[in-house]
Amino acid sequence: MTVSSAERSEFQFIHELCLYVLSASQRTELIRATLSTLHAFLSWIPLGYIFESPLLETLLKFFSVPAYRNLTLQCLSEVAALTFGEFYNAQYVKMCNVFMVQLQDRYLSQHAIPVLNFVSGYLIFSLIQW
């Protein structure tokens, strides 16, 4: 699906508003609504808004917050499902690495189950697009 220049202009405003709310708001419901809205747009917005802005870093910060974890994971999964070629590969790999470190710190370090190391390794390599 192509996005017209008018839609890009309108989305720039939505993108800036979402980033502002996610970086400045303390209201749980407003942040949840923003994450939900962002999830709805991620599959069709221009890739630059995702990979050339602080959006991924912002989303990764919210993953560690229990109230936002599910919505954040939905957003990150949507990004992982995008097709973007080699151009944004470095940013994608960085996102995967930060996510896996957070996942390991949060869950794997709490459970001394050796098989989880295998699972985390599998997830890392299955998320990276070759």
C-alpha atoms as a PDB file:
ATOM      1  CA  MET A   1       0.000   0.000   0.000  1.00  0.00           C
ATOM      2  CA  THR A   2       1.390   3.389  -0.915  1.00  0.00           C
ATOM      3  CA  VAL A   3       0.923   6.427   1.225  1.00  0.00           C
ATOM      4  CA  SER A   4       0.184   9.777  -0.420  1.00  0.00           C
ATOM      5  CA  SER A   5       2.080  12.932   0.523  1.00  0.00           C
ATOM      6  CA  ALA A   6      -1.020  14.283   2.284  1.00  0.00           C
ATOM      7  CA  GLU A   7      -1.267  11.107   4.362  1.00  0.00           C
ATOM      8  CA  ARG A   8       2.471  11.337   5.157  1.00  0.00           C
ATOM      9  CA  SER A   9       1.994  14.895   6.364  1.00  0.00           C
ATOM     10  CA  GLU A  10      -0.953  13.887   8.511  1.00  0.00           C
ATOM     11  CA  PHE A  11       0.896  10.896   9.847  1.00  0.00           C
ATOM     12  CA  GLN A  12       3.883  13.064  10.758  1.00  0.00           C
ATOM     13  CA  PHE A  13       1.584  14.917  13.149  1.00  0.00           C
ATOM     14  CA  ILE A  14       0.222  11.644  14.584  1.00  0.00           C
ATOM     15  CA  HIS A  15       3.761  10.290  14.934  1.00  0.00           C
ATOM     16  CA  GLU A  16       4.956  13.398  16.785  1.00  0.00           C
ATOM     17  CA  LEU A  17       1.910  13.325  19.047  1.00  0.00           C
ATOM     18  CA  CYS A  18       2.430   9.638  19.878  1.00  0.00           C
ATOM     19  CA  LEU A  19       6.102  10.218  20.689  1.00  0.00           C
ATOM     20  CA  TYR A  20       5.209  13.222  22.821  1.00  0.00           C
ATOM     21  CA  VAL A  21       2.589  11.318  24.815  1.00  0.00           C
ATOM     22  CA  LEU A  22       4.889   8.326  25.285  1.00  0.00           C
ATOM     23  CA  SER A  23       7.758  10.505  26.474  1.00  0.00           C
ATOM     24  CA  ALA A  24       5.877  13.053  28.590  1.00  0.00           C
ATOM     25  CA  SER A  25       2.659  11.553  29.931  1.00  0.00           C
ATOM     26  CA  GLN A  26       2.272   9.855  33.290  1.00  0.00           C
ATOM     27  CA  ARG A  27      -1.365   8.858  32.710  1.00  0.00           C
ATOM     28  CA  THR A  28      -1.635   5.098  32.289  1.00  0.00           C
ATOM     29  CA  GLU A  29      -4.795   5.106  30.168  1.00  0.00           C
ATOM     30  CA  LEU A  30      -3.446   7.790  27.831  1.00  0.00           C
ATOM     31  CA  ILE A  31      -0.235   5.821  27.296  1.00  0.00           C
ATOM     32  CA  ARG A  32      -2.201   2.599  26.729  1.00  0.00           C
ATOM     33  CA  ALA A  33      -4.463   4.346  24.192  1.00  0.00           C
ATOM     34  CA  THR A  34      -1.405   5.767  22.440  1.00  0.00           C
ATOM     35  CA  LEU A  35       0.272   2.349  22.237  1.00  0.00           C
ATOM     36  CA  SER A  36      -2.943   0.851  20.885  1.00  0.00           C
ATOM     37  CA  THR A  37      -3.233   3.599  18.262  1.00  0.00           C
ATOM     38  CA  LEU A  38       0.398   3.187  17.299  1.00  0.00           C
ATOM     39  CA  HIS A  39      -0.113  -0.560  16.889  1.00  0.00           C
ATOM     40  CA  ALA A  40      -2.927   0.119  14.426  1.00  0.00           C
ATOM     41  CA  PHE A  41      -0.685   2.356  12.278  1.00  0.00           C
ATOM     42  CA  LEU A  42       2.613   0.445  12.348  1.00  0.00           C
ATOM     43  CA  SER A  43       1.849  -1.900   9.465  1.00  0.00           C
ATOM     44  CA  TRP A  44       1.377   0.866   6.897  1.00  0.00           C
ATOM     45  CA  ILE A  45       3.342   3.911   7.994  1.00  0.00           C
ATOM     46  CA  PRO A  46       6.546   4.890   6.173  1.00  0.00           C
ATOM     47  CA  LEU A  47       9.494   2.972   7.607  1.00  0.00           C
ATOM     48  CA  GLY A  48      11.439   6.143   8.340  1.00  0.00           C
ATOM     49  CA  TYR A  49       8.986   7.037  11.087  1.00  0.00           C
ATOM     50  CA  ILE A  50       9.826   3.754  12.787  1.00  0.00           C
ATOM     51  CA  PHE A  51      13.546   3.392  12.193  1.00  0.00           C
ATOM     52  CA  GLU A  52      14.715   7.024  11.927  1.00  0.00           C
ATOM     53  CA  SER A  53      13.079   8.312  15.092  1.00  0.00           C
ATOM     54  CA  PRO A  54      13.298   7.426  18.781  1.00  0.00           C
ATOM     55  CA  LEU A  55      10.164   5.289  18.422  1.00  0.00           C
ATOM     56  CA  LEU A  56      11.831   1.888  18.837  1.00  0.00           C
ATOM     57  CA  GLU A  57      13.852   3.012  21.848  1.00  0.00           C
ATOM     58  CA  THR A  58      10.694   4.438  23.389  1.00  0.00           C
ATOM     59  CA  LEU A  59       8.774   1.213  22.815  1.00  0.00           C
ATOM     60  CA  LEU A  60      11.587  -0.854  24.287  1.00  0.00           C
ATOM     61  CA  LYS A  61      11.482   1.260  27.462  1.00  0.00           C
ATOM     62  CA  PHE A  62       7.774   0.520  27.860  1.00  0.00           C
ATOM     63  CA  PHE A  63       8.276  -3.242  27.555  1.00  0.00           C
ATOM     64  CA  SER A  64       9.693  -3.367  31.080  1.00  0.00           C
ATOM     65  CA  VAL A  65       6.561  -1.718  32.535  1.00  0.00           C
ATOM     66  CA  PRO A  66       3.937  -4.390  33.358  1.00  0.00           C
ATOM     67  CA  ALA A  67       0.963  -2.119  32.593  1.00  0.00           C
ATOM     68  CA  TYR A  68       2.213  -1.581  29.032  1.00  0.00           C
ATOM     69  CA  ARG A  69       4.003  -4.858  28.299  1.00  0.00           C
ATOM     70  CA  ASN A  70       1.301  -6.538  26.183  1.00  0.00           C
ATOM     71  CA  LEU A  71       0.580  -3.492  24.035  1.00  0.00           C
ATOM     72  CA  THR A  72       4.294  -2.824  23.622  1.00  0.00           C
ATOM     73  CA  LEU A  73       4.890  -6.420  22.587  1.00  0.00           C
ATOM     74  CA  GLN A  74       2.125  -6.096  19.998  1.00  0.00           C
ATOM     75  CA  CYS A  75       3.838  -2.998  18.591  1.00  0.00           C
ATOM     76  CA  LEU A  76       7.268  -4.638  18.543  1.00  0.00           C
ATOM     77  CA  SER A  77       5.791  -7.740  16.887  1.00  0.00           C
ATOM     78  CA  GLU A  78       4.241  -5.559  14.215  1.00  0.00           C
ATOM     79  CA  VAL A  79       7.639  -3.971  13.548  1.00  0.00           C
ATOM     80  CA  ALA A  80       9.270  -7.413  13.425  1.00  0.00           C
ATOM     81  CA  ALA A  81       6.761  -8.490  10.763  1.00  0.00           C
ATOM     82  CA  LEU A  82       7.596  -5.594   8.428  1.00  0.00           C
ATOM     83  CA  THR A  83       9.563  -6.086   5.233  1.00  0.00           C
ATOM     84  CA  PHE A  84      12.284  -3.470   4.966  1.00  0.00           C
ATOM     85  CA  GLY A  85      15.325  -4.993   3.275  1.00  0.00           C
ATOM     86  CA  GLU A  86      18.920  -4.192   4.159  1.00  0.00           C
ATOM     87  CA  PHE A  87      18.489  -0.445   4.634  1.00  0.00           C
ATOM     88  CA  TYR A  88      17.154  -0.636   8.202  1.00  0.00           C
ATOM     89  CA  ASN A  89      18.763  -3.953   9.114  1.00  0.00           C
ATOM     90  CA  ALA A  90      21.167  -2.414  11.672  1.00  0.00           C
ATOM     91  CA  GLN A  91      18.322  -0.710  13.559  1.00  0.00           C
ATOM     92  CA  TYR A  92      16.282  -3.915  13.445  1.00  0.00           C
ATOM     93  CA  VAL A  93      19.126  -6.014  14.834  1.00  0.00           C
ATOM     94  CA  LYS A  94      19.697  -3.421  17.568  1.00  0.00           C
ATOM     95  CA  MET A  95      15.986  -3.565  18.491  1.00  0.00           C
ATOM     96  CA  CYS A  96      16.128  -7.369  18.668  1.00  0.00           C
ATOM     97  CA  ASN A  97      19.255  -7.305  20.820  1.00  0.00           C
ATOM     98  CA  VAL A  98      17.851  -4.776  23.294  1.00  0.00           C
ATOM     99  CA  PHE A  99      14.572  -6.688  23.447  1.00  0.00           C
ATOM    100  CA  MET A 100      16.311 -10.000  24.117  1.00  0.00           C
ATOM    101  CA  VAL A 101      18.485  -8.459  26.848  1.00  0.00           C
ATOM    102  CA  GLN A 102      15.362  -7.066  28.514  1.00  0.00           C
ATOM    103  CA  LEU A 103      13.631 -10.408  28.150  1.00  0.00           C
ATOM    104  CA  GLN A 104      16.608 -12.225  29.627  1.00  0.00           C
ATOM    105  CA  ASP A 105      16.957  -9.748  32.493  1.00  0.00           C
ATOM    106  CA  ARG A 106      13.254  -9.884  33.264  1.00  0.00           C
ATOM    107  CA  TYR A 107      12.435 -13.553  32.839  1.00  0.00           C
ATOM    108  CA  LEU A 108      15.362 -15.822  32.141  1.00  0.00           C
ATOM    109  CA  SER A 109      17.452 -14.622  35.077  1.00  0.00           C
ATOM    110  CA  GLN A 110      14.542 -15.384  37.425  1.00  0.00           C
ATOM    111  CA  HIS A 111      14.192 -18.972  36.254  1.00  0.00           C
ATOM    112  CA  ALA A 112      17.164 -21.293  36.290  1.00  0.00           C
ATOM    113  CA  ILE A 113      15.914 -23.520  33.506  1.00  0.00           C
ATOM    114  CA  PRO A 114      18.692 -24.341  31.014  1.00  0.00           C
ATOM    115  CA  VAL A 115      16.286 -24.949  28.147  1.00  0.00           C
ATOM    116  CA  LEU A 116      15.309 -21.273  28.198  1.00  0.00           C
ATOM    117  CA  ASN A 117      18.801 -20.350  27.004  1.00  0.00           C
ATOM    118  CA  PHE A 118      18.145 -22.477  23.936  1.00  0.00           C
ATOM    119  CA  VAL A 119      14.750 -20.845  23.450  1.00  0.00           C
ATOM    120  CA  SER A 120      16.195 -17.340  23.750  1.00  0.00           C
ATOM    121  CA  GLY A 121      18.910 -18.200  21.235  1.00  0.00           C
ATOM    122  CA  TYR A 122      16.323 -19.561  18.832  1.00  0.00           C
ATOM    123  CA  LEU A 123      14.209 -16.413  19.200  1.00  0.00           C
ATOM    124  CA  ILE A 124      17.154 -14.153  18.466  1.00  0.00           C
ATOM    125  CA  PHE A 125      18.008 -15.907  15.238  1.00  0.00           C
ATOM    126  CA  SER A 126      14.419 -16.356  14.118  1.00  0.00           C
ATOM    127  CA  LEU A 127      13.683 -12.642  14.577  1.00  0.00           C
ATOM    128  CA  ILE A 128      16.647 -11.478  12.521  1.00  0.00           C
ATOM    129  CA  GLN A 129      15.843 -11.301   8.824  1.00  0.00           C
ATOM    130  CA  TRP A 130      18.702 -12.696   6.776  1.00  0.00           C
END
